[in-house]
Amino acid sequence: LSGLESFRADRPDIALLDVMLPGLDGVSLCRRIRDESTVPVIMLSARA
């Protein structure tokens, strides 16, 4: 959730998102970002 707020406020050049996040998981956060922007996104996962 704080990541989404920061994205909307700052409009970064790229986002690195962990998959397992509290509140709003990384996959859902990525989907929210993609609904609003084409900014590049790299997911970080503890597992392959």
ModelCIF file with pLDDT and N, C-alpha, C, O atoms, coordinates in Angstrom:
data_MODEL
#
_entry.id   MODEL 
#
_entity.id                         1 
_entity.type                       polymer 
_entity.pdbx_number_of_molecules   1 
#
_entity_poly.entity_id                      1 
_entity_poly.type                           'polypeptide(L)' 
_entity_poly.nstd_linkage                   no 
_entity_poly.nstd_monomer                   no 
_entity_poly.pdbx_seq_one_letter_code       LSGLESFRADRPDIALLDVMLPGLDGVSLCRRIRDESTVPVIMLSARA 
_entity_poly.pdbx_seq_one_letter_code_can   LSGLESFRADRPDIALLDVMLPGLDGVSLCRRIRDESTVPVIMLSARA 
_entity_poly.pdbx_strand_id                 A 
#
loop_
_entity_poly_seq.entity_id 
_entity_poly_seq.num 
_entity_poly_seq.mon_id 
_entity_poly_seq.hetero 
1 1  LEU n 
1 2  SER n 
1 3  GLY n 
1 4  LEU n 
1 5  GLU n 
1 6  SER n 
1 7  PHE n 
1 8  ARG n 
1 9  ALA n 
1 10 ASP n 
1 11 ARG n 
1 12 PRO n 
1 13 ASP n 
1 14 ILE n 
1 15 ALA n 
1 16 LEU n 
1 17 LEU n 
1 18 ASP n 
1 19 VAL n 
1 20 MET n 
1 21 LEU n 
1 22 PRO n 
1 23 GLY n 
1 24 LEU n 
1 25 ASP n 
1 26 GLY n 
1 27 VAL n 
1 28 SER n 
1 29 LEU n 
1 30 CYS n 
1 31 ARG n 
1 32 ARG n 
1 33 ILE n 
1 34 ARG n 
1 35 ASP n 
1 36 GLU n 
1 37 SER n 
1 38 THR n 
1 39 VAL n 
1 40 PRO n 
1 41 VAL n 
1 42 ILE n 
1 43 MET n 
1 44 LEU n 
1 45 SER n 
1 46 ALA n 
1 47 ARG n 
1 48 ALA n 
#
_struct_asym.id          A 
_struct_asym.entity_id   1 
#
loop_
_ma_qa_metric.id 
_ma_qa_metric.mode 
_ma_qa_metric.name 
_ma_qa_metric.software_group_id 
_ma_qa_metric.type 
1 global pLDDT . pLDDT 
2 local  pLDDT . pLDDT 
#
_ma_qa_metric_global.metric_id      1 
_ma_qa_metric_global.metric_value   92.98 
_ma_qa_metric_global.model_id       1 
_ma_qa_metric_global.ordinal_id     1 
#
loop_
_ma_qa_metric_local.label_asym_id 
_ma_qa_metric_local.label_comp_id 
_ma_qa_metric_local.label_seq_id 
_ma_qa_metric_local.metric_id 
_ma_qa_metric_local.metric_value 
_ma_qa_metric_local.model_id 
_ma_qa_metric_local.ordinal_id 
A LEU 1  2 97.00 1 1  
A SER 2  2 97.00 1 2  
A GLY 3  2 97.00 1 3  
A LEU 4  2 97.00 1 4  
A GLU 5  2 97.00 1 5  
A SER 6  2 97.00 1 6  
A PHE 7  2 97.00 1 7  
A ARG 8  2 96.00 1 8  
A ALA 9  2 96.00 1 9  
A ASP 10 2 93.00 1 10 
A ARG 11 2 94.00 1 11 
A PRO 12 2 95.00 1 12 
A ASP 13 2 94.00 1 13 
A ILE 14 2 96.00 1 14 
A ALA 15 2 97.00 1 15 
A LEU 16 2 97.00 1 16 
A LEU 17 2 97.00 1 17 
A ASP 18 2 94.00 1 18 
A VAL 19 2 92.00 1 19 
A MET 20 2 90.00 1 20 
A LEU 21 2 94.00 1 21 
A PRO 22 2 94.00 1 22 
A GLY 23 2 91.00 1 23 
A LEU 24 2 95.00 1 24 
A ASP 25 2 95.00 1 25 
A GLY 26 2 95.00 1 26 
A VAL 27 2 95.00 1 27 
A SER 28 2 96.00 1 28 
A LEU 29 2 97.00 1 29 
A CYS 30 2 96.00 1 30 
A ARG 31 2 95.00 1 31 
A ARG 32 2 96.00 1 32 
A ILE 33 2 96.00 1 33 
A ARG 34 2 94.00 1 34 
A ASP 35 2 93.00 1 35 
A GLU 36 2 93.00 1 36 
A SER 37 2 92.00 1 37 
A THR 38 2 89.00 1 38 
A VAL 39 2 92.00 1 39 
A PRO 40 2 93.00 1 40 
A VAL 41 2 95.00 1 41 
A ILE 42 2 95.00 1 42 
A MET 43 2 93.00 1 43 
A LEU 44 2 92.00 1 44 
A SER 45 2 86.00 1 45 
A ALA 46 2 80.00 1 46 
A ARG 47 2 69.00 1 47 
A ALA 48 2 62.00 1 48 
#
loop_
_atom_site.group_PDB 
_atom_site.id 
_atom_site.type_symbol 
_atom_site.label_atom_id 
_atom_site.label_alt_id 
_atom_site.label_comp_id 
_atom_site.label_asym_id 
_atom_site.label_entity_id 
_atom_site.label_seq_id 
_atom_site.pdbx_PDB_ins_code 
_atom_site.Cartn_x 
_atom_site.Cartn_y 
_atom_site.Cartn_z 
_atom_site.occupancy 
_atom_site.B_iso_or_equiv 
_atom_site.pdbx_formal_charge 
_atom_site.auth_seq_id 
_atom_site.auth_comp_id 
_atom_site.auth_asym_id 
_atom_site.auth_atom_id 
_atom_site.pdbx_PDB_model_num 
ATOM 1   N N  . LEU A 1 1  ? 0.821  -1.208  0.000   1.00 97.00 ? 1  LEU A N  1 
ATOM 2   C CA . LEU A 1 1  ? 0.000  0.000   0.000   1.00 97.00 ? 1  LEU A CA 1 
ATOM 3   C C  . LEU A 1 1  ? 0.858  1.263   0.000   1.00 97.00 ? 1  LEU A C  1 
ATOM 4   O O  . LEU A 1 1  ? 0.584  2.211   -0.735  1.00 97.00 ? 1  LEU A O  1 
ATOM 5   N N  . SER A 1 2  ? 1.906  1.262   0.838   1.00 97.00 ? 2  SER A N  1 
ATOM 6   C CA . SER A 1 2  ? 2.796  2.428   0.836   1.00 97.00 ? 2  SER A CA 1 
ATOM 7   C C  . SER A 1 2  ? 3.566  2.511   -0.479  1.00 97.00 ? 2  SER A C  1 
ATOM 8   O O  . SER A 1 2  ? 3.894  3.600   -0.952  1.00 97.00 ? 2  SER A O  1 
ATOM 9   N N  . GLY A 1 3  ? 3.850  1.349   -1.061  1.00 97.00 ? 3  GLY A N  1 
ATOM 10  C CA . GLY A 1 3  ? 4.514  1.335   -2.358  1.00 97.00 ? 3  GLY A CA 1 
ATOM 11  C C  . GLY A 1 3  ? 3.645  1.960   -3.436  1.00 97.00 ? 3  GLY A C  1 
ATOM 12  O O  . GLY A 1 3  ? 4.142  2.704   -4.281  1.00 97.00 ? 3  GLY A O  1 
ATOM 13  N N  . LEU A 1 4  ? 2.348  1.662   -3.414  1.00 97.00 ? 4  LEU A N  1 
ATOM 14  C CA . LEU A 1 4  ? 1.426  2.229   -4.392  1.00 97.00 ? 4  LEU A CA 1 
ATOM 15  C C  . LEU A 1 4  ? 1.311  3.740   -4.208  1.00 97.00 ? 4  LEU A C  1 
ATOM 16  O O  . LEU A 1 4  ? 1.303  4.491   -5.183  1.00 97.00 ? 4  LEU A O  1 
ATOM 17  N N  . GLU A 1 5  ? 1.223  4.180   -2.960  1.00 97.00 ? 5  GLU A N  1 
ATOM 18  C CA . GLU A 1 5  ? 1.155  5.616   -2.687  1.00 97.00 ? 5  GLU A CA 1 
ATOM 19  C C  . GLU A 1 5  ? 2.411  6.329   -3.188  1.00 97.00 ? 5  GLU A C  1 
ATOM 20  O O  . GLU A 1 5  ? 2.336  7.409   -3.774  1.00 97.00 ? 5  GLU A O  1 
ATOM 21  N N  . SER A 1 6  ? 3.568  5.703   -2.946  1.00 97.00 ? 6  SER A N  1 
ATOM 22  C CA . SER A 1 6  ? 4.829  6.302   -3.383  1.00 97.00 ? 6  SER A CA 1 
ATOM 23  C C  . SER A 1 6  ? 4.909  6.347   -4.903  1.00 97.00 ? 6  SER A C  1 
ATOM 24  O O  . SER A 1 6  ? 5.385  7.328   -5.475  1.00 97.00 ? 6  SER A O  1 
ATOM 25  N N  . PHE A 1 7  ? 4.444  5.292   -5.555  1.00 97.00 ? 7  PHE A N  1 
ATOM 26  C CA . PHE A 1 7  ? 4.466  5.272   -7.014  1.00 97.00 ? 7  PHE A CA 1 
ATOM 27  C C  . PHE A 1 7  ? 3.626  6.413   -7.572  1.00 97.00 ? 7  PHE A C  1 
ATOM 28  O O  . PHE A 1 7  ? 4.059  7.116   -8.484  1.00 97.00 ? 7  PHE A O  1 
ATOM 29  N N  . ARG A 1 8  ? 2.441  6.596   -7.034  1.00 96.00 ? 8  ARG A N  1 
ATOM 30  C CA . ARG A 1 8  ? 1.546  7.641   -7.535  1.00 96.00 ? 8  ARG A CA 1 
ATOM 31  C C  . ARG A 1 8  ? 2.085  9.038   -7.250  1.00 96.00 ? 8  ARG A C  1 
ATOM 32  O O  . ARG A 1 8  ? 1.864  9.964   -8.029  1.00 96.00 ? 8  ARG A O  1 
ATOM 33  N N  . ALA A 1 9  ? 2.788  9.186   -6.139  1.00 96.00 ? 9  ALA A N  1 
ATOM 34  C CA . ALA A 1 9  ? 3.295  10.506  -5.760  1.00 96.00 ? 9  ALA A CA 1 
ATOM 35  C C  . ALA A 1 9  ? 4.579  10.868  -6.509  1.00 96.00 ? 9  ALA A C  1 
ATOM 36  O O  . ALA A 1 9  ? 4.775  12.020  -6.895  1.00 96.00 ? 9  ALA A O  1 
ATOM 37  N N  . ASP A 1 10 ? 5.457  9.870   -6.711  1.00 93.00 ? 10 ASP A N  1 
ATOM 38  C CA . ASP A 1 10 ? 6.796  10.153  -7.223  1.00 93.00 ? 10 ASP A CA 1 
ATOM 39  C C  . ASP A 1 10 ? 7.015  9.777   -8.685  1.00 93.00 ? 10 ASP A C  1 
ATOM 40  O O  . ASP A 1 10 ? 7.926  10.303  -9.324  1.00 93.00 ? 10 ASP A O  1 
ATOM 41  N N  . ARG A 1 11 ? 6.198  8.875   -9.224  1.00 94.00 ? 11 ARG A N  1 
ATOM 42  C CA . ARG A 1 11 ? 6.357  8.410   -10.605 1.00 94.00 ? 11 ARG A CA 1 
ATOM 43  C C  . ARG A 1 11 ? 7.811  8.025   -10.900 1.00 94.00 ? 11 ARG A C  1 
ATOM 44  O O  . ARG A 1 11 ? 8.494  8.720   -11.653 1.00 94.00 ? 11 ARG A O  1 
ATOM 45  N N  . PRO A 1 12 ? 8.279  6.937   -10.320 1.00 95.00 ? 12 PRO A N  1 
ATOM 46  C CA . PRO A 1 12 ? 9.669  6.512   -10.506 1.00 95.00 ? 12 PRO A CA 1 
ATOM 47  C C  . PRO A 1 12 ? 9.941  6.038   -11.938 1.00 95.00 ? 12 PRO A C  1 
ATOM 48  O O  . PRO A 1 12 ? 9.018  5.855   -12.732 1.00 95.00 ? 12 PRO A O  1 
ATOM 49  N N  . ASP A 1 13 ? 11.214 5.846   -12.247 1.00 94.00 ? 13 ASP A N  1 
ATOM 50  C CA . ASP A 1 13 ? 11.613 5.374   -13.572 1.00 94.00 ? 13 ASP A CA 1 
ATOM 51  C C  . ASP A 1 13 ? 11.473 3.855   -13.700 1.00 94.00 ? 13 ASP A C  1 
ATOM 52  O O  . ASP A 1 13 ? 11.302 3.341   -14.805 1.00 94.00 ? 13 ASP A O  1 
ATOM 53  N N  . ILE A 1 14 ? 11.542 3.143   -12.588 1.00 96.00 ? 14 ILE A N  1 
ATOM 54  C CA . ILE A 1 14 ? 11.432 1.692   -12.583 1.00 96.00 ? 14 ILE A CA 1 
ATOM 55  C C  . ILE A 1 14 ? 10.994 1.249   -11.189 1.00 96.00 ? 14 ILE A C  1 
ATOM 56  O O  . ILE A 1 14 ? 11.310 1.901   -10.194 1.00 96.00 ? 14 ILE A O  1 
ATOM 57  N N  . ALA A 1 15 ? 10.265 0.139   -11.126 1.00 97.00 ? 15 ALA A N  1 
ATOM 58  C CA . ALA A 1 15 ? 9.797  -0.385  -9.843  1.00 97.00 ? 15 ALA A CA 1 
ATOM 59  C C  . ALA A 1 15 ? 10.319 -1.802  -9.624  1.00 97.00 ? 15 ALA A C  1 
ATOM 60  O O  . ALA A 1 15 ? 10.232 -2.648  -10.515 1.00 97.00 ? 15 ALA A O  1 
ATOM 61  N N  . LEU A 1 16 ? 10.861 -2.055  -8.435  1.00 97.00 ? 16 LEU A N  1 
ATOM 62  C CA . LEU A 1 16 ? 11.273 -3.394  -8.015  1.00 97.00 ? 16 LEU A CA 1 
ATOM 63  C C  . LEU A 1 16 ? 10.304 -3.834  -6.931  1.00 97.00 ? 16 LEU A C  1 
ATOM 64  O O  . LEU A 1 16 ? 10.212 -3.192  -5.885  1.00 97.00 ? 16 LEU A O  1 
ATOM 65  N N  . LEU A 1 17 ? 9.582  -4.922  -7.170  1.00 97.00 ? 17 LEU A N  1 
ATOM 66  C CA . LEU A 1 17 ? 8.525  -5.326  -6.254  1.00 97.00 ? 17 LEU A CA 1 
ATOM 67  C C  . LEU A 1 17 ? 8.737  -6.755  -5.775  1.00 97.00 ? 17 LEU A C  1 
ATOM 68  O O  . LEU A 1 17 ? 8.856  -7.676  -6.583  1.00 97.00 ? 17 LEU A O  1 
ATOM 69  N N  . ASP A 1 18 ? 8.783  -6.933  -4.472  1.00 94.00 ? 18 ASP A N  1 
ATOM 70  C CA . ASP A 1 18 ? 8.802  -8.281  -3.922  1.00 94.00 ? 18 ASP A CA 1 
ATOM 71  C C  . ASP A 1 18 ? 7.428  -8.907  -4.133  1.00 94.00 ? 18 ASP A C  1 
ATOM 72  O O  . ASP A 1 18 ? 6.413  -8.215  -4.064  1.00 94.00 ? 18 ASP A O  1 
ATOM 73  N N  . VAL A 1 19 ? 7.393  -10.198 -4.387  1.00 92.00 ? 19 VAL A N  1 
ATOM 74  C CA . VAL A 1 19 ? 6.108  -10.876 -4.602  1.00 92.00 ? 19 VAL A CA 1 
ATOM 75  C C  . VAL A 1 19 ? 5.295  -10.926 -3.311  1.00 92.00 ? 19 VAL A C  1 
ATOM 76  O O  . VAL A 1 19 ? 4.105  -10.610 -3.307  1.00 92.00 ? 19 VAL A O  1 
ATOM 77  N N  . MET A 1 20 ? 5.938  -11.322 -2.222  1.00 90.00 ? 20 MET A N  1 
ATOM 78  C CA . MET A 1 20 ? 5.240  -11.491 -0.944  1.00 90.00 ? 20 MET A CA 1 
ATOM 79  C C  . MET A 1 20 ? 5.332  -10.218 -0.121  1.00 90.00 ? 20 MET A C  1 
ATOM 80  O O  . MET A 1 20 ? 6.339  -9.960  0.539   1.00 90.00 ? 20 MET A O  1 
ATOM 81  N N  . LEU A 1 21 ? 4.261  -9.420  -0.168  1.00 94.00 ? 21 LEU A N  1 
ATOM 82  C CA . LEU A 1 21 ? 4.216  -8.165  0.576   1.00 94.00 ? 21 LEU A CA 1 
ATOM 83  C C  . LEU A 1 21 ? 2.967  -8.119  1.446   1.00 94.00 ? 21 LEU A C  1 
ATOM 84  O O  . LEU A 1 21 ? 1.926  -8.646  1.054   1.00 94.00 ? 21 LEU A O  1 
ATOM 85  N N  . PRO A 1 22 ? 3.053  -7.500  2.614   1.00 94.00 ? 22 PRO A N  1 
ATOM 86  C CA . PRO A 1 22 ? 1.862  -7.347  3.461   1.00 94.00 ? 22 PRO A CA 1 
ATOM 87  C C  . PRO A 1 22 ? 0.930  -6.267  2.916   1.00 94.00 ? 22 PRO A C  1 
ATOM 88  O O  . PRO A 1 22 ? 1.370  -5.334  2.244   1.00 94.00 ? 22 PRO A O  1 
ATOM 89  N N  . GLY A 1 23 ? -0.346 -6.404  3.211   1.00 91.00 ? 23 GLY A N  1 
ATOM 90  C CA . GLY A 1 23 ? -1.327 -5.389  2.818   1.00 91.00 ? 23 GLY A CA 1 
ATOM 91  C C  . GLY A 1 23 ? -1.785 -5.556  1.381   1.00 91.00 ? 23 GLY A C  1 
ATOM 92  O O  . GLY A 1 23 ? -2.953 -5.849  1.121   1.00 91.00 ? 23 GLY A O  1 
ATOM 93  N N  . LEU A 1 24 ? -0.881 -5.374  0.469   1.00 95.00 ? 24 LEU A N  1 
ATOM 94  C CA . LEU A 1 24 ? -1.147 -5.529  -0.959  1.00 95.00 ? 24 LEU A CA 1 
ATOM 95  C C  . LEU A 1 24 ? 0.048  -6.279  -1.531  1.00 95.00 ? 24 LEU A C  1 
ATOM 96  O O  . LEU A 1 24 ? 1.162  -5.757  -1.548  1.00 95.00 ? 24 LEU A O  1 
ATOM 97  N N  . ASP A 1 25 ? -0.181 -7.504  -2.000  1.00 95.00 ? 25 ASP A N  1 
ATOM 98  C CA . ASP A 1 25 ? 0.949  -8.321  -2.459  1.00 95.00 ? 25 ASP A CA 1 
ATOM 99  C C  . ASP A 1 25 ? 1.554  -7.741  -3.735  1.00 95.00 ? 25 ASP A C  1 
ATOM 100 O O  . ASP A 1 25 ? 0.949  -6.906  -4.407  1.00 95.00 ? 25 ASP A O  1 
ATOM 101 N N  . GLY A 1 26 ? 2.767  -8.207  -4.050  1.00 95.00 ? 26 GLY A N  1 
ATOM 102 C CA . GLY A 1 26 ? 3.503  -7.642  -5.167  1.00 95.00 ? 26 GLY A CA 1 
ATOM 103 C C  . GLY A 1 26 ? 2.825  -7.807  -6.507  1.00 95.00 ? 26 GLY A C  1 
ATOM 104 O O  . GLY A 1 26 ? 2.909  -6.920  -7.357  1.00 95.00 ? 26 GLY A O  1 
ATOM 105 N N  . VAL A 1 27 ? 2.146  -8.942  -6.715  1.00 95.00 ? 27 VAL A N  1 
ATOM 106 C CA . VAL A 1 27 ? 1.455  -9.171  -7.982  1.00 95.00 ? 27 VAL A CA 1 
ATOM 107 C C  . VAL A 1 27 ? 0.305  -8.173  -8.140  1.00 95.00 ? 27 VAL A C  1 
ATOM 108 O O  . VAL A 1 27 ? 0.120  -7.596  -9.212  1.00 95.00 ? 27 VAL A O  1 
ATOM 109 N N  . SER A 1 28 ? -0.458 -7.977  -7.076  1.00 96.00 ? 28 SER A N  1 
ATOM 110 C CA . SER A 1 28 ? -1.565 -7.014  -7.121  1.00 96.00 ? 28 SER A CA 1 
ATOM 111 C C  . SER A 1 28 ? -1.047 -5.592  -7.298  1.00 96.00 ? 28 SER A C  1 
ATOM 112 O O  . SER A 1 28 ? -1.645 -4.790  -8.016  1.00 96.00 ? 28 SER A O  1 
ATOM 113 N N  . LEU A 1 29 ? 0.067  -5.283  -6.642  1.00 97.00 ? 29 LEU A N  1 
ATOM 114 C CA . LEU A 1 29 ? 0.672  -3.961  -6.788  1.00 97.00 ? 29 LEU A CA 1 
ATOM 115 C C  . LEU A 1 29 ? 1.130  -3.748  -8.226  1.00 97.00 ? 29 LEU A C  1 
ATOM 116 O O  . LEU A 1 29 ? 0.924  -2.673  -8.790  1.00 97.00 ? 29 LEU A O  1 
ATOM 117 N N  . CYS A 1 30 ? 1.745  -4.754  -8.816  1.00 96.00 ? 30 CYS A N  1 
ATOM 118 C CA . CYS A 1 30 ? 2.166  -4.661  -10.212 1.00 96.00 ? 30 CYS A CA 1 
ATOM 119 C C  . CYS A 1 30 ? 0.972  -4.403  -11.114 1.00 96.00 ? 30 CYS A C  1 
ATOM 120 O O  . CYS A 1 30 ? 1.040  -3.584  -12.030 1.00 96.00 ? 30 CYS A O  1 
ATOM 121 N N  . ARG A 1 31 ? -0.120 -5.106  -10.851 1.00 95.00 ? 31 ARG A N  1 
ATOM 122 C CA . ARG A 1 31 ? -1.320 -4.928  -11.680 1.00 95.00 ? 31 ARG A CA 1 
ATOM 123 C C  . ARG A 1 31 ? -1.853 -3.503  -11.551 1.00 95.00 ? 31 ARG A C  1 
ATOM 124 O O  . ARG A 1 31 ? -2.273 -2.908  -12.544 1.00 95.00 ? 31 ARG A O  1 
ATOM 125 N N  . ARG A 1 32 ? -1.838 -2.950  -10.335 1.00 96.00 ? 32 ARG A N  1 
ATOM 126 C CA . ARG A 1 32 ? -2.300 -1.568  -10.124 1.00 96.00 ? 32 ARG A CA 1 
ATOM 127 C C  . ARG A 1 32 ? -1.407 -0.587  -10.887 1.00 96.00 ? 32 ARG A C  1 
ATOM 128 O O  . ARG A 1 32 ? -1.895 0.342   -11.530 1.00 96.00 ? 32 ARG A O  1 
ATOM 129 N N  . ILE A 1 33 ? -0.107 -0.806  -10.806 1.00 96.00 ? 33 ILE A N  1 
ATOM 130 C CA . ILE A 1 33 ? 0.831  0.064   -11.514 1.00 96.00 ? 33 ILE A CA 1 
ATOM 131 C C  . ILE A 1 33 ? 0.606  -0.018  -13.016 1.00 96.00 ? 33 ILE A C  1 
ATOM 132 O O  . ILE A 1 33 ? 0.589  0.996   -13.713 1.00 96.00 ? 33 ILE A O  1 
ATOM 133 N N  . ARG A 1 34 ? 0.436  -1.239  -13.501 1.00 94.00 ? 34 ARG A N  1 
ATOM 134 C CA . ARG A 1 34 ? 0.266  -1.408  -14.947 1.00 94.00 ? 34 ARG A CA 1 
ATOM 135 C C  . ARG A 1 34 ? -1.038 -0.801  -15.445 1.00 94.00 ? 34 ARG A C  1 
ATOM 136 O O  . ARG A 1 34 ? -1.128 -0.410  -16.609 1.00 94.00 ? 34 ARG A O  1 
ATOM 137 N N  . ASP A 1 35 ? -2.056 -0.715  -14.582 1.00 93.00 ? 35 ASP A N  1 
ATOM 138 C CA . ASP A 1 35 ? -3.310 -0.064  -14.964 1.00 93.00 ? 35 ASP A CA 1 
ATOM 139 C C  . ASP A 1 35 ? -3.117 1.431   -15.204 1.00 93.00 ? 35 ASP A C  1 
ATOM 140 O O  . ASP A 1 35 ? -3.895 2.060   -15.922 1.00 93.00 ? 35 ASP A O  1 
ATOM 141 N N  . GLU A 1 36 ? -2.068 1.994   -14.592 1.00 93.00 ? 36 GLU A N  1 
ATOM 142 C CA . GLU A 1 36 ? -1.859 3.437   -14.646 1.00 93.00 ? 36 GLU A CA 1 
ATOM 143 C C  . GLU A 1 36 ? -0.645 3.867   -15.466 1.00 93.00 ? 36 GLU A C  1 
ATOM 144 O O  . GLU A 1 36 ? -0.535 5.032   -15.845 1.00 93.00 ? 36 GLU A O  1 
ATOM 145 N N  . SER A 1 37 ? 0.264  2.934   -15.741 1.00 92.00 ? 37 SER A N  1 
ATOM 146 C CA . SER A 1 37 ? 1.536  3.340   -16.323 1.00 92.00 ? 37 SER A CA 1 
ATOM 147 C C  . SER A 1 37 ? 2.206  2.185   -17.049 1.00 92.00 ? 37 SER A C  1 
ATOM 148 O O  . SER A 1 37 ? 1.919  1.017   -16.786 1.00 92.00 ? 37 SER A O  1 
ATOM 149 N N  . THR A 1 38 ? 3.109  2.529   -17.972 1.00 89.00 ? 38 THR A N  1 
ATOM 150 C CA . THR A 1 38 ? 3.930  1.526   -18.642 1.00 89.00 ? 38 THR A CA 1 
ATOM 151 C C  . THR A 1 38 ? 5.343  1.501   -18.067 1.00 89.00 ? 38 THR A C  1 
ATOM 152 O O  . THR A 1 38 ? 6.248  0.933   -18.679 1.00 89.00 ? 38 THR A O  1 
ATOM 153 N N  . VAL A 1 39 ? 5.545  2.110   -16.898 1.00 92.00 ? 39 VAL A N  1 
ATOM 154 C CA . VAL A 1 39 ? 6.858  2.116   -16.265 1.00 92.00 ? 39 VAL A CA 1 
ATOM 155 C C  . VAL A 1 39 ? 7.357  0.678   -16.110 1.00 92.00 ? 39 VAL A C  1 
ATOM 156 O O  . VAL A 1 39 ? 6.567  -0.199  -15.760 1.00 92.00 ? 39 VAL A O  1 
ATOM 157 N N  . PRO A 1 40 ? 8.637  0.408   -16.357 1.00 93.00 ? 40 PRO A N  1 
ATOM 158 C CA . PRO A 1 40 ? 9.138  -0.963  -16.227 1.00 93.00 ? 40 PRO A CA 1 
ATOM 159 C C  . PRO A 1 40 ? 9.038  -1.482  -14.799 1.00 93.00 ? 40 PRO A C  1 
ATOM 160 O O  . PRO A 1 40 ? 9.242  -0.745  -13.834 1.00 93.00 ? 40 PRO A O  1 
ATOM 161 N N  . VAL A 1 41 ? 8.717  -2.776  -14.688 1.00 95.00 ? 41 VAL A N  1 
ATOM 162 C CA . VAL A 1 41 ? 8.561  -3.426  -13.387 1.00 95.00 ? 41 VAL A CA 1 
ATOM 163 C C  . VAL A 1 41 ? 9.361  -4.718  -13.380 1.00 95.00 ? 41 VAL A C  1 
ATOM 164 O O  . VAL A 1 41 ? 9.255  -5.530  -14.298 1.00 95.00 ? 41 VAL A O  1 
ATOM 165 N N  . ILE A 1 42 ? 10.161 -4.902  -12.338 1.00 95.00 ? 42 ILE A N  1 
ATOM 166 C CA . ILE A 1 42 ? 10.870 -6.164  -12.116 1.00 95.00 ? 42 ILE A CA 1 
ATOM 167 C C  . ILE A 1 42 ? 10.345 -6.757  -10.819 1.00 95.00 ? 42 ILE A C  1 
ATOM 168 O O  . ILE A 1 42 ? 10.330 -6.092  -9.783  1.00 95.00 ? 42 ILE A O  1 
ATOM 169 N N  . MET A 1 43 ? 9.916  -8.012  -10.882 1.00 93.00 ? 43 MET A N  1 
ATOM 170 C CA . MET A 1 43 ? 9.443  -8.714  -9.688  1.00 93.00 ? 43 MET A CA 1 
ATOM 171 C C  . MET A 1 43 ? 10.605 -9.430  -9.015  1.00 93.00 ? 43 MET A C  1 
ATOM 172 O O  . MET A 1 43 ? 11.503 -9.942  -9.684  1.00 93.00 ? 43 MET A O  1 
ATOM 173 N N  . LEU A 1 44 ? 10.580 -9.462  -7.686  1.00 92.00 ? 44 LEU A N  1 
ATOM 174 C CA . LEU A 1 44 ? 11.575 -10.182 -6.898  1.00 92.00 ? 44 LEU A CA 1 
ATOM 175 C C  . LEU A 1 44 ? 10.873 -11.316 -6.155  1.00 92.00 ? 44 LEU A C  1 
ATOM 176 O O  . LEU A 1 44 ? 9.922  -11.078 -5.412  1.00 92.00 ? 44 LEU A O  1 
ATOM 177 N N  . SER A 1 45 ? 11.336 -12.537 -6.354  1.00 86.00 ? 45 SER A N  1 
ATOM 178 C CA . SER A 1 45 ? 10.688 -13.691 -5.741  1.00 86.00 ? 45 SER A CA 1 
ATOM 179 C C  . SER A 1 45 ? 11.705 -14.519 -4.976  1.00 86.00 ? 45 SER A C  1 
ATOM 180 O O  . SER A 1 45 ? 12.825 -14.728 -5.441  1.00 86.00 ? 45 SER A O  1 
ATOM 181 N N  . ALA A 1 46 ? 11.310 -14.990 -3.799  1.00 80.00 ? 46 ALA A N  1 
ATOM 182 C CA . ALA A 1 46 ? 12.184 -15.835 -2.997  1.00 80.00 ? 46 ALA A CA 1 
ATOM 183 C C  . ALA A 1 46 ? 12.299 -17.226 -3.581  1.00 80.00 ? 46 ALA A C  1 
ATOM 184 O O  . ALA A 1 46 ? 13.166 -17.999 -3.174  1.00 80.00 ? 46 ALA A O  1 
ATOM 185 N N  . ARG A 1 47 ? 11.441 -17.555 -4.524  1.00 69.00 ? 47 ARG A N  1 
ATOM 186 C CA . ARG A 1 47 ? 11.463 -18.862 -5.158  1.00 69.00 ? 47 ARG A CA 1 
ATOM 187 C C  . ARG A 1 47 ? 11.418 -18.684 -6.669  1.00 69.00 ? 47 ARG A C  1 
ATOM 188 O O  . ARG A 1 47 ? 10.925 -17.679 -7.180  1.00 69.00 ? 47 ARG A O  1 
ATOM 189 N N  . ALA A 1 48 ? 11.944 -19.684 -7.372  1.00 62.00 ? 48 ALA A N  1 
ATOM 190 C CA . ALA A 1 48 ? 11.816 -19.685 -8.830  1.00 62.00 ? 48 ALA A CA 1 
ATOM 191 C C  . ALA A 1 48 ? 10.557 -20.461 -9.188  1.00 62.00 ? 48 ALA A C  1 
ATOM 192 O O  . ALA A 1 48 ? 10.233 -20.602 -10.367 1.00 62.00 ? 48 ALA A O  1 
#
